[in-house]
Amino acid sequence: MQLPHLAPTYAAFLAAIELGPDAYDLLDRHKLYSFFRRCKKEGKFMMHAEGECDLRAIFIVTLITKTLNLPTDILAGVAETVLLSQSHEGGISNVIGGEAHGGFTFCGVAALALLGRLQ
């Protein structure tokens, strides 16, 4: 009876990756994709229904979508959101115009790499 949330979804996904390719078939790709669609909000993703939008969510959805070959239409606008979040100091912020943070910079750069958008 827990609220679906991207953070534990990410942890469960990593556990499946660690178990190997046979474990991938245990993941319900359709339900994952449906969950991601419910979390989508204008080029961003909420961590859970009505939850915060941040670059952790973008990284998690991008990684799982690309790894499991889910439909990539869900990723429309994601790279642009990450690029707009780059701050004046060069790092990436959690919000457009905010201060850069190492964790969010990792999430943003990793998402751009997965999307083939690093320059």
C-alpha atoms as a PDB file:
ATOM      1  CA  MET A   1       0.000   0.000   0.000  1.00  0.00           C
ATOM      2  CA  GLN A   2       2.940   2.339  -0.607  1.00  0.00           C
ATOM      3  CA  LEU A   3       2.834   5.303  -2.949  1.00  0.00           C
ATOM      4  CA  PRO A   4       4.601   4.509  -6.253  1.00  0.00           C
ATOM      5  CA  HIS A   5       7.842   6.510  -6.259  1.00  0.00           C
ATOM      6  CA  LEU A   6      10.760   6.775  -8.671  1.00  0.00           C
ATOM      7  CA  ALA A   7      13.475   6.399  -6.002  1.00  0.00           C
ATOM      8  CA  PRO A   8      12.521   2.839  -4.927  1.00  0.00           C
ATOM      9  CA  THR A   9      11.747   2.039  -8.566  1.00  0.00           C
ATOM     10  CA  TYR A  10      15.356   2.952  -9.354  1.00  0.00           C
ATOM     11  CA  ALA A  11      16.647   0.786  -6.490  1.00  0.00           C
ATOM     12  CA  ALA A  12      14.573  -2.193  -7.657  1.00  0.00           C
ATOM     13  CA  PHE A  13      15.771  -1.665 -11.228  1.00  0.00           C
ATOM     14  CA  LEU A  14      19.409  -1.674 -10.077  1.00  0.00           C
ATOM     15  CA  ALA A  15      18.774  -4.909  -8.176  1.00  0.00           C
ATOM     16  CA  ALA A  16      17.369  -6.495 -11.352  1.00  0.00           C
ATOM     17  CA  ILE A  17      20.403  -5.288 -13.318  1.00  0.00           C
ATOM     18  CA  GLU A  18      22.672  -6.887 -10.731  1.00  0.00           C
ATOM     19  CA  LEU A  19      20.816 -10.206 -11.056  1.00  0.00           C
ATOM     20  CA  GLY A  20      21.384 -10.245 -14.805  1.00  0.00           C
ATOM     21  CA  PRO A  21      19.412 -10.463 -18.054  1.00  0.00           C
ATOM     22  CA  ASP A  22      17.024 -13.177 -16.832  1.00  0.00           C
ATOM     23  CA  ALA A  23      15.728 -10.755 -14.208  1.00  0.00           C
ATOM     24  CA  TYR A  24      14.873  -8.150 -16.876  1.00  0.00           C
ATOM     25  CA  ASP A  25      12.018 -10.360 -18.055  1.00  0.00           C
ATOM     26  CA  LEU A  26      10.458 -10.149 -14.601  1.00  0.00           C
ATOM     27  CA  LEU A  27      10.001  -6.392 -14.989  1.00  0.00           C
ATOM     28  CA  ASP A  28       6.612  -5.343 -16.340  1.00  0.00           C
ATOM     29  CA  ARG A  29       7.708  -2.882 -19.012  1.00  0.00           C
ATOM     30  CA  HIS A  30       4.162  -1.777 -19.804  1.00  0.00           C
ATOM     31  CA  LYS A  31       3.466  -0.857 -16.171  1.00  0.00           C
ATOM     32  CA  LEU A  32       6.795   0.959 -15.873  1.00  0.00           C
ATOM     33  CA  TYR A  33       6.049   2.985 -18.996  1.00  0.00           C
ATOM     34  CA  SER A  34       2.529   3.785 -17.708  1.00  0.00           C
ATOM     35  CA  PHE A  35       3.964   4.915 -14.374  1.00  0.00           C
ATOM     36  CA  PHE A  36       6.497   7.130 -16.144  1.00  0.00           C
ATOM     37  CA  ARG A  37       3.706   8.674 -18.245  1.00  0.00           C
ATOM     38  CA  ARG A  38       1.783   9.521 -15.084  1.00  0.00           C
ATOM     39  CA  CYS A  39       4.908  11.160 -13.646  1.00  0.00           C
ATOM     40  CA  LYS A  40       5.608  13.245 -16.787  1.00  0.00           C
ATOM     41  CA  LYS A  41       5.119  16.978 -16.456  1.00  0.00           C
ATOM     42  CA  GLU A  42       6.243  19.302 -19.275  1.00  0.00           C
ATOM     43  CA  GLY A  43       9.721  17.929 -20.027  1.00  0.00           C
ATOM     44  CA  LYS A  44      10.231  16.891 -16.417  1.00  0.00           C
ATOM     45  CA  PHE A  45       9.139  14.044 -14.186  1.00  0.00           C
ATOM     46  CA  MET A  46       7.643  14.053 -10.707  1.00  0.00           C
ATOM     47  CA  MET A  47       9.220  11.631  -8.256  1.00  0.00           C
ATOM     48  CA  HIS A  48       5.676  10.483  -7.397  1.00  0.00           C
ATOM     49  CA  ALA A  49       2.112  11.648  -8.055  1.00  0.00           C
ATOM     50  CA  GLU A  50       1.921  15.349  -7.195  1.00  0.00           C
ATOM     51  CA  GLY A  51       5.557  15.150  -6.008  1.00  0.00           C
ATOM     52  CA  GLU A  52       8.602  17.245  -6.656  1.00  0.00           C
ATOM     53  CA  CYS A  53      10.106  17.486 -10.146  1.00  0.00           C
ATOM     54  CA  ASP A  54      13.865  17.316 -10.274  1.00  0.00           C
ATOM     55  CA  LEU A  55      16.812  16.000 -12.227  1.00  0.00           C
ATOM     56  CA  ARG A  56      16.927  12.779 -10.226  1.00  0.00           C
ATOM     57  CA  ALA A  57      13.596  11.870 -11.795  1.00  0.00           C
ATOM     58  CA  ILE A  58      14.845  12.769 -15.270  1.00  0.00           C
ATOM     59  CA  PHE A  59      17.922  10.567 -14.820  1.00  0.00           C
ATOM     60  CA  ILE A  60      15.958   7.622 -13.398  1.00  0.00           C
ATOM     61  CA  VAL A  61      13.330   7.628 -16.147  1.00  0.00           C
ATOM     62  CA  THR A  62      15.927   8.132 -18.877  1.00  0.00           C
ATOM     63  CA  LEU A  63      18.154   5.306 -17.609  1.00  0.00           C
ATOM     64  CA  ILE A  64      15.342   2.793 -17.227  1.00  0.00           C
ATOM     65  CA  THR A  65      13.662   3.779 -20.504  1.00  0.00           C
ATOM     66  CA  LYS A  66      16.871   3.458 -22.513  1.00  0.00           C
ATOM     67  CA  THR A  67      18.065   0.268 -20.781  1.00  0.00           C
ATOM     68  CA  LEU A  68      14.759  -1.587 -21.141  1.00  0.00           C
ATOM     69  CA  ASN A  69      14.041  -0.221 -24.636  1.00  0.00           C
ATOM     70  CA  LEU A  70      10.777   1.384 -23.552  1.00  0.00           C
ATOM     71  CA  PRO A  71       9.120   3.797 -25.993  1.00  0.00           C
ATOM     72  CA  THR A  72      11.279   6.919 -26.019  1.00  0.00           C
ATOM     73  CA  ASP A  73       8.448   9.350 -26.739  1.00  0.00           C
ATOM     74  CA  ILE A  74       8.264   9.706 -22.959  1.00  0.00           C
ATOM     75  CA  LEU A  75      11.653  11.470 -23.097  1.00  0.00           C
ATOM     76  CA  ALA A  76      10.478  14.332 -25.331  1.00  0.00           C
ATOM     77  CA  GLY A  77      11.670  17.659 -23.930  1.00  0.00           C
ATOM     78  CA  VAL A  78      13.926  16.090 -21.318  1.00  0.00           C
ATOM     79  CA  ALA A  79      17.273  17.118 -22.863  1.00  0.00           C
ATOM     80  CA  GLU A  80      16.029  20.674 -23.301  1.00  0.00           C
ATOM     81  CA  THR A  81      14.998  20.830 -19.642  1.00  0.00           C
ATOM     82  CA  VAL A  82      18.444  19.649 -18.549  1.00  0.00           C
ATOM     83  CA  LEU A  83      20.208  22.137 -20.814  1.00  0.00           C
ATOM     84  CA  LEU A  84      18.072  25.012 -19.523  1.00  0.00           C
ATOM     85  CA  SER A  85      19.033  24.011 -15.973  1.00  0.00           C
ATOM     86  CA  GLN A  86      22.729  24.699 -16.538  1.00  0.00           C
ATOM     87  CA  SER A  87      23.754  27.573 -14.299  1.00  0.00           C
ATOM     88  CA  HIS A  88      26.050  30.511 -14.959  1.00  0.00           C
ATOM     89  CA  GLU A  89      28.888  28.660 -13.200  1.00  0.00           C
ATOM     90  CA  GLY A  90      28.621  25.713 -15.615  1.00  0.00           C
ATOM     91  CA  GLY A  91      27.105  23.112 -13.339  1.00  0.00           C
ATOM     92  CA  ILE A  92      23.494  21.996 -13.432  1.00  0.00           C
ATOM     93  CA  SER A  93      20.833  23.132 -11.005  1.00  0.00           C
ATOM     94  CA  ASN A  94      17.674  21.389  -9.911  1.00  0.00           C
ATOM     95  CA  VAL A  95      15.664  24.324 -11.257  1.00  0.00           C
ATOM     96  CA  ILE A  96      16.141  26.735 -14.125  1.00  0.00           C
ATOM     97  CA  GLY A  97      18.100  29.725 -12.836  1.00  0.00           C
ATOM     98  CA  GLY A  98      19.158  28.009  -9.613  1.00  0.00           C
ATOM     99  CA  GLU A  99      22.534  27.261  -8.078  1.00  0.00           C
ATOM    100  CA  ALA A 100      24.433  24.263  -9.457  1.00  0.00           C
ATOM    101  CA  HIS A 101      24.783  21.121  -7.339  1.00  0.00           C
ATOM    102  CA  GLY A 102      27.116  18.160  -7.841  1.00  0.00           C
ATOM    103  CA  GLY A 103      24.394  15.523  -7.567  1.00  0.00           C
ATOM    104  CA  PHE A 104      22.092  17.285  -9.999  1.00  0.00           C
ATOM    105  CA  THR A 105      25.010  17.911 -12.365  1.00  0.00           C
ATOM    106  CA  PHE A 106      25.682  14.155 -12.371  1.00  0.00           C
ATOM    107  CA  CYS A 107      22.016  13.386 -13.061  1.00  0.00           C
ATOM    108  CA  GLY A 108      21.830  15.960 -15.851  1.00  0.00           C
ATOM    109  CA  VAL A 109      25.068  14.947 -17.566  1.00  0.00           C
ATOM    110  CA  ALA A 110      24.205  11.248 -17.274  1.00  0.00           C
ATOM    111  CA  ALA A 111      20.756  11.840 -18.770  1.00  0.00           C
ATOM    112  CA  LEU A 112      22.260  13.827 -21.649  1.00  0.00           C
ATOM    113  CA  ALA A 113      24.801  11.038 -22.256  1.00  0.00           C
ATOM    114  CA  LEU A 114      22.038   8.421 -22.356  1.00  0.00           C
ATOM    115  CA  LEU A 115      20.146  10.606 -24.820  1.00  0.00           C
ATOM    116  CA  GLY A 116      23.219  11.102 -27.023  1.00  0.00           C
ATOM    117  CA  ARG A 117      23.064  14.866 -26.407  1.00  0.00           C
ATOM    118  CA  LEU A 118      26.469  15.624 -24.883  1.00  0.00           C
ATOM    119  CA  GLN A 119      28.421  18.085 -26.982  1.00  0.00           C
END
